[in-house]
Protein backbone atom coordinates (compact mmCIF):
# COMPACT_ATOMS: atom_id res chain seq x y z
CA MET A 1 0.00 0.00 0.00
CA ALA A 2 2.86 2.41 0.77
CA ASP A 3 4.15 2.21 -2.81
CA ARG A 4 0.67 2.74 -4.26
CA LEU A 5 0.07 5.84 -2.13
CA LEU A 6 3.59 7.11 -2.87
CA ALA A 7 2.88 6.83 -6.60
CA PHE A 8 -0.21 9.03 -6.14
CA VAL A 9 1.86 11.62 -4.24
CA LEU A 10 4.64 11.63 -6.84
CA GLY A 11 2.10 11.80 -9.67
CA GLY A 12 0.42 14.83 -8.08
CA SER A 13 -3.04 13.34 -7.59
CA LYS A 14 -2.65 12.83 -3.82
CA ARG A 15 -2.40 16.12 -1.95
CA ALA A 16 -4.29 15.24 1.23
CA THR A 17 -4.68 12.62 3.93
CA CYS A 18 -6.64 12.11 7.13
CA TRP A 19 -6.56 10.12 10.35
CA SER A 20 -8.59 9.75 13.53
CA VAL A 21 -8.23 12.52 16.11
CA ALA A 22 -7.82 9.66 18.62
CA ASP A 23 -4.42 8.97 17.01
CA GLY A 24 -3.18 12.45 17.92
CA GLN A 25 -1.99 15.47 15.96
CA GLN A 26 0.76 14.01 13.79
CA THR A 27 1.82 17.22 12.05
CA GLN A 28 1.50 21.00 12.11
CA LEU A 29 1.39 23.76 9.52
CA GLY A 30 4.72 24.14 7.77
CA LYS A 31 6.10 20.82 8.97
CA LYS A 32 8.09 18.89 6.39
CA MET A 33 8.08 15.10 6.44
CA VAL A 34 9.94 12.41 4.54
CA VAL A 35 7.73 9.91 2.71
CA LEU A 36 9.07 6.35 2.61
CA ASP A 37 8.43 3.64 0.03
CA GLY A 38 7.41 0.09 0.89
CA PHE A 39 11.03 -0.83 1.64
CA GLY A 40 11.47 2.07 4.08
CA LYS A 41 13.58 4.06 1.61
CA PRO A 42 13.09 7.88 1.56
CA ARG A 43 11.37 8.88 -1.69
CA ALA A 44 9.86 12.33 -1.18
CA VAL A 45 9.46 15.31 1.12
CA VAL A 46 6.03 16.84 1.70
CA GLU A 47 5.02 19.95 3.64
CA THR A 48 1.76 20.40 5.57
CA VAL A 49 -0.09 23.42 4.14
CA GLU A 50 -3.50 22.98 5.79
CA LEU A 51 -4.63 21.10 8.90
CA GLU A 52 -8.08 21.05 10.46
CA GLN A 53 -10.39 18.84 12.46
CA ARG A 54 -13.60 17.72 10.80
CA ARG A 55 -16.23 15.05 11.43
CA PHE A 56 -16.08 12.07 9.06
CA CYS A 57 -19.63 12.84 7.87
CA ASP A 58 -18.58 16.43 7.03
CA VAL A 59 -15.71 15.53 4.69
CA ASP A 60 -16.57 17.02 1.31
CA TRP A 61 -15.96 16.04 -2.30
CA GLN A 62 -13.01 18.42 -2.71
CA PHE A 63 -11.13 16.81 0.17
CA ALA A 64 -11.93 13.32 -1.18
CA LEU A 65 -10.64 14.45 -4.58
CA ASP A 66 -7.45 15.84 -3.03
CA GLU A 67 -6.81 12.48 -1.31
CA GLY A 68 -6.39 11.17 -4.87
CA GLU A 69 -7.34 7.54 -4.24
CA GLY A 70 -9.95 5.20 -5.72
CA ASP A 71 -12.33 6.61 -8.30
CA ARG A 72 -12.08 10.01 -6.55
CA ALA A 73 -15.82 10.15 -5.84
CA LEU A 74 -17.04 11.11 -2.37
CA GLU A 75 -18.98 7.86 -1.89
CA ASP A 76 -15.91 5.81 -2.84
CA TRP A 77 -13.85 7.82 -0.35
CA ARG A 78 -16.43 7.29 2.41
CA ARG A 79 -16.70 3.56 1.75
CA GLY A 80 -12.93 3.02 1.65
CA HIS A 81 -12.24 5.10 4.75
CA GLN A 82 -15.14 3.60 6.70
CA ASN A 83 -13.66 0.15 6.03
CA TYR A 84 -10.18 1.35 6.99
CA PHE A 85 -11.30 2.93 10.27
CA ALA A 86 -13.48 -0.09 11.13
CA ARG A 87 -10.40 -2.33 10.79
CA ASN A 88 -8.15 0.05 12.73
CA GLY A 89 -9.81 1.06 15.97
CA GLY A 90 -13.44 1.64 15.12
CA PHE A 91 -15.70 3.72 12.94
CA ASP A 92 -18.46 6.20 13.68
CA PRO A 93 -19.82 8.63 11.07
CA GLU A 94 -19.52 11.37 13.71
CA MET A 95 -15.88 10.55 14.50
CA MET A 96 -13.45 13.45 14.37
CA LEU A 97 -10.62 13.40 11.87
CA TRP A 98 -7.48 15.39 11.31
CA CYS A 99 -7.69 16.45 7.65
CA GLU A 100 -4.34 17.49 6.19
CA ARG A 101 -3.44 18.99 2.85
CA PHE A 102 0.19 18.91 1.81
CA ARG A 103 2.42 19.87 -1.08
CA LEU A 104 5.23 17.88 -2.65
CA VAL A 105 8.49 19.70 -1.88
CA GLU A 106 11.09 17.28 -3.21
CA VAL A 107 11.42 13.92 -4.94
CA ILE A 108 14.27 11.84 -3.54
CA GLY A 109 16.12 9.37 -5.75
CA ASP A 110 14.88 8.03 -9.07
């Protein structure tokens, strides 16, 4: 999965991500982070440009589009993320998420 998501970041279609507020604030505005491939090798640097809390049920189409996964439709985003959260700690449509937008700063290696 890491390589698939990395390909979306490098290709420019993935400019956002989200996670449960229960997992803590993992970034802040202006923070730069190294993105690793499936082998743990550094492949890119991204910078957080927007960070907000939002209920799962309030995530809109533009954010789903910026996540750049699946067929990029809101319903596909909701279905995929509901399944993910259900497998990883629980899902509730009212659950709070950290919603992050980022920009690609640098590609590392080939």
